[in-house]
Every structure is written in C-alpha cells, then in structure tokens.
N, C-alpha and C. Protein backbone atom coordinates (compact mmCIF):
# COMPACT_ATOMS: atom_id res chain seq x y z
N MET A 1 -25.12 -6.54 26.44
CA MET A 1 -25.45 -6.65 25.66
C MET A 1 -27.09 -5.77 25.20
N LEU A 2 -27.84 -6.00 26.42
CA LEU A 2 -29.30 -4.83 25.96
C LEU A 2 -28.68 -3.64 27.00
N TRP A 3 -27.77 -3.30 27.70
CA TRP A 3 -27.57 -1.89 28.01
C TRP A 3 -26.56 -0.91 26.79
N VAL A 4 -26.54 -1.56 25.86
CA VAL A 4 -25.46 -1.05 24.83
C VAL A 4 -26.94 -0.96 23.63
N MET A 5 -27.42 -1.60 23.81
CA MET A 5 -29.13 -1.22 23.23
C MET A 5 -29.91 -0.54 23.57
N ALA A 6 -29.65 -0.28 24.59
CA ALA A 6 -30.66 0.94 25.71
C ALA A 6 -30.10 2.11 25.22
N LYS A 7 -28.87 2.33 25.22
CA LYS A 7 -27.57 3.76 24.76
C LYS A 7 -27.74 3.81 24.14
N VAL A 8 -28.01 3.26 22.90
CA VAL A 8 -28.17 3.79 21.44
C VAL A 8 -29.37 3.64 21.15
N ALA A 9 -30.57 2.89 21.48
CA ALA A 9 -32.35 3.37 20.76
C ALA A 9 -32.50 4.26 21.90
N GLY A 10 -32.15 4.79 23.24
CA GLY A 10 -33.13 5.44 24.21
C GLY A 10 -33.12 6.90 23.51
N PRO A 11 -32.06 7.72 23.14
CA PRO A 11 -32.21 8.70 23.29
C PRO A 11 -33.33 9.16 21.68
N LEU A 12 -33.03 7.96 20.82
CA LEU A 12 -34.54 8.26 19.54
C LEU A 12 -35.39 8.05 20.45
N LEU A 13 -35.75 6.74 21.02
CA LEU A 13 -37.37 6.58 21.67
C LEU A 13 -37.67 7.61 21.76
N LEU A 14 -36.88 8.17 22.97
CA LEU A 14 -36.82 9.15 24.19
C LEU A 14 -37.56 10.11 23.45
N SER A 15 -36.56 10.87 22.48
CA SER A 15 -37.20 12.20 21.33
C SER A 15 -38.63 11.49 20.95
N SER A 16 -38.63 10.80 20.50
CA SER A 16 -40.11 10.59 19.50
C SER A 16 -41.19 10.55 20.45
N LEU A 17 -40.61 9.73 21.81
CA LEU A 17 -41.84 10.34 22.69
C LEU A 17 -42.57 11.53 23.47
N LEU A 18 -41.12 12.41 23.40
CA LEU A 18 -41.68 13.64 24.11
C LEU A 18 -42.41 14.30 22.21
N VAL A 19 -41.75 14.35 21.61
CA VAL A 19 -42.71 15.13 20.75
C VAL A 19 -44.07 14.70 20.16
N GLY A 20 -44.39 13.28 20.56
CA GLY A 20 -45.60 12.46 20.50
C GLY A 20 -46.46 12.94 21.55
N LEU A 21 -45.69 12.80 22.77
CA LEU A 21 -46.76 13.86 24.02
C LEU A 21 -47.15 15.26 23.61
N VAL A 22 -46.42 15.88 23.37
CA VAL A 22 -46.40 17.46 22.51
C VAL A 22 -47.44 17.45 22.18
N ILE A 23 -47.29 16.64 20.91
CA ILE A 23 -48.20 16.75 19.76
C ILE A 23 -49.80 16.81 20.18
N ALA A 24 -49.73 15.19 21.06
CA ALA A 24 -50.84 14.71 21.37
C ALA A 24 -51.68 15.68 22.66
N ILE A 25 -50.85 16.34 23.32
CA ILE A 25 -51.49 17.84 24.62
C ILE A 25 -51.83 18.75 23.62
N PHE A 26 -50.98 19.33 22.45
CA PHE A 26 -51.89 20.06 21.25
C PHE A 26 -52.98 19.21 20.62
N GLN A 27 -53.02 18.74 20.25
CA GLN A 27 -54.41 18.22 19.50
C GLN A 27 -55.45 18.24 20.43
N SER A 28 -55.40 17.38 21.72
CA SER A 28 -56.54 17.82 22.79
C SER A 28 -57.09 19.18 23.17
N ALA A 29 -55.85 19.83 22.96
CA ALA A 29 -56.28 21.62 23.38
C ALA A 29 -57.11 21.96 22.73
N THR A 30 -56.89 21.64 20.89
CA THR A 30 -57.16 22.28 20.06
C THR A 30 -57.98 21.84 19.30
N GLN A 31 -58.66 20.17 19.83
CA GLN A 31 -59.64 19.49 19.50
C GLN A 31 -59.21 18.85 18.27
N ILE A 32 -58.24 19.21 17.41
CA ILE A 32 -57.53 18.59 15.79
C ILE A 32 -57.52 17.01 16.17
N GLN A 33 -58.04 16.43 15.53
CA GLN A 33 -57.89 15.26 15.66
C GLN A 33 -57.77 14.06 14.45
N GLU A 34 -56.33 14.82 14.09
CA GLU A 34 -55.80 14.16 12.95
C GLU A 34 -54.76 13.05 13.10
N MET A 35 -54.78 11.93 12.69
CA MET A 35 -53.88 10.96 13.31
C MET A 35 -52.49 11.01 12.04
N THR A 36 -52.37 11.28 11.63
CA THR A 36 -51.06 11.87 10.96
C THR A 36 -50.22 13.02 11.14
N LEU A 37 -50.35 13.61 11.60
CA LEU A 37 -49.84 14.96 12.05
C LEU A 37 -48.53 14.68 12.97
N THR A 38 -48.73 13.50 13.77
CA THR A 38 -47.28 13.05 14.47
C THR A 38 -46.07 12.64 13.59
N PHE A 39 -46.74 12.49 12.56
CA PHE A 39 -45.57 11.58 11.92
C PHE A 39 -44.36 12.39 11.14
N ILE A 40 -44.37 13.77 10.59
CA ILE A 40 -43.86 13.98 10.14
C ILE A 40 -42.86 14.76 11.55
N PRO A 41 -43.13 15.40 12.57
CA PRO A 41 -42.23 16.06 13.77
C PRO A 41 -41.69 14.62 14.33
N LYS A 42 -42.57 13.89 14.50
CA LYS A 42 -40.99 12.33 14.98
C LYS A 42 -40.30 12.28 13.88
N ILE A 43 -40.55 12.14 12.37
CA ILE A 43 -39.37 12.09 11.69
C ILE A 43 -38.37 12.81 11.82
N VAL A 44 -38.59 14.33 11.83
CA VAL A 44 -37.73 15.35 11.99
C VAL A 44 -36.95 15.39 13.43
N ALA A 45 -37.23 15.20 14.18
CA ALA A 45 -36.72 14.65 15.26
C ALA A 45 -35.53 13.53 15.57
N ALA A 46 -36.04 12.24 14.84
CA ALA A 46 -34.87 11.59 14.84
C ALA A 46 -34.45 11.59 14.11
N ALA A 47 -34.50 12.71 12.90
CA ALA A 47 -33.17 13.15 12.14
C ALA A 47 -32.46 14.22 12.74
N ILE A 48 -33.14 15.25 13.52
CA ILE A 48 -31.90 15.74 14.36
C ILE A 48 -31.07 14.57 15.42
N ILE A 49 -31.56 13.97 16.00
CA ILE A 49 -30.52 13.00 17.27
C ILE A 49 -29.97 12.45 16.40
N ILE A 50 -29.82 11.50 15.24
CA ILE A 50 -28.93 11.26 14.45
C ILE A 50 -27.80 12.13 13.93
N LEU A 51 -28.40 13.12 13.35
CA LEU A 51 -27.23 14.70 13.31
C LEU A 51 -26.41 14.54 14.57
N ILE A 52 -26.97 14.86 15.73
CA ILE A 52 -26.47 15.25 16.97
C ILE A 52 -25.42 14.71 17.48
N LEU A 53 -26.20 13.00 17.39
CA LEU A 53 -25.55 11.72 18.51
C LEU A 53 -25.06 10.83 17.51
N GLY A 54 -25.45 10.69 16.16
CA GLY A 54 -25.11 9.57 14.55
C GLY A 54 -23.70 8.70 15.32
N SER A 55 -22.83 10.03 15.60
CA SER A 55 -21.46 9.17 15.78
C SER A 55 -20.80 8.74 16.70
N TRP A 56 -21.26 8.90 17.45
CA TRP A 56 -21.21 8.45 19.38
C TRP A 56 -22.31 7.34 19.12
N MET A 57 -23.44 7.26 18.61
CA MET A 57 -23.61 5.75 18.10
C MET A 57 -23.24 4.48 17.93
N GLY A 58 -22.78 5.29 16.78
CA GLY A 58 -22.30 4.88 15.48
C GLY A 58 -20.90 3.90 16.30
N SER A 59 -20.06 4.63 16.88
CA SER A 59 -18.68 4.17 17.53
C SER A 59 -19.27 3.56 19.24
N GLN A 60 -20.31 3.42 19.32
CA GLN A 60 -21.07 2.89 20.77
C GLN A 60 -21.01 1.03 20.04
N VAL A 61 -21.49 1.11 18.87
CA VAL A 61 -21.90 -0.43 18.07
C VAL A 61 -21.10 -0.61 17.52
N ILE A 62 -19.85 -0.03 16.72
CA ILE A 62 -18.61 -0.43 16.33
C ILE A 62 -18.07 -1.04 17.60
N SER A 63 -17.87 -0.66 18.74
CA SER A 63 -16.94 -1.60 20.06
C SER A 63 -17.57 -2.55 20.51
N PHE A 64 -19.24 -2.47 20.36
CA PHE A 64 -19.53 -3.57 20.74
C PHE A 64 -19.38 -4.66 20.21
N THR A 65 -19.17 -4.50 18.86
CA THR A 65 -19.36 -5.54 17.76
C THR A 65 -17.70 -6.19 17.69
N ALA A 66 -17.05 -5.31 18.27
CA ALA A 66 -15.56 -5.93 18.34
C ALA A 66 -15.20 -6.51 19.62
N GLU A 67 -15.66 -6.32 20.84
CA GLU A 67 -15.90 -6.99 22.15
C GLU A 67 -16.62 -8.56 21.35
N LEU A 68 -17.42 -8.17 21.01
CA LEU A 68 -18.13 -9.59 20.64
C LEU A 68 -17.35 -10.73 19.52
N PHE A 69 -16.78 -10.02 18.48
CA PHE A 69 -15.36 -10.43 17.42
C PHE A 69 -14.51 -11.12 18.64
N MET A 70 -13.90 -10.50 19.26
CA MET A 70 -12.82 -10.82 20.23
C MET A 70 -13.08 -11.52 20.82
N GLY A 71 -14.64 -11.56 21.42
CA GLY A 71 -15.25 -13.17 22.40
C GLY A 71 -15.08 -14.17 21.55
N ILE A 72 -15.28 -14.16 20.31
CA ILE A 72 -15.15 -15.94 19.55
C ILE A 72 -14.66 -16.71 20.08
N PRO A 73 -12.86 -16.71 19.95
CA PRO A 73 -12.25 -18.02 20.42
C PRO A 73 -12.42 -18.04 21.82
N ASN A 74 -13.15 -17.69 23.04
CA ASN A 74 -12.95 -17.83 23.96
C ASN A 74 -14.04 -18.35 24.01
N ILE A 75 -15.11 -18.39 23.68
CA ILE A 75 -16.54 -19.29 23.38
C ILE A 75 -16.19 -20.57 22.37
N ILE A 76 -15.63 -20.58 21.58
CA ILE A 76 -15.48 -21.57 21.12
C ILE A 76 -14.05 -22.58 22.00
N ASN A 77 -13.37 -22.05 22.45
CA ASN A 77 -12.55 -23.26 23.46
C ASN A 77 -13.05 -23.21 24.62
C-alpha cells in the first residue's frame, strides 16, 4: 500500500524538491530573499510531471483500487 503511494507521489515530490533546491541556491547566490519566488516554478514543474506521467499515475492508482475491491470478499470471509 505504501509502495504504490511512494511510486505515484515520488516524481511530484522529487521534482518539487529539486526545483526548490535550485531556486534556493539561486536566491542565496544573488542575495534575493523573496519567499514567494519558489511557488510558481514548483507549480510549473508539478504540472509538467503530471502531463508527462499522469496516465501512468492514474493506471497505478486504478489497478491498486481494483486489487483492493477484489480483496474485500477475502477479508469478509
């Protein structure tokens, strides 16, 4: 269960982490201390990842949900 969540959420979290790290390095190098500067690049990166991997993420969640529903009779009996 946690493995499916990690596979689906991992690319989004990793891209946000990398974009935030790059922006933080840029801010420290240029001494720009604007806290809201990271929001738009993170949103754009997340949207790009969803466009690229969205169908794969959806199929992972759908197959996991189908497995859960198929396992309900085994839990009841």
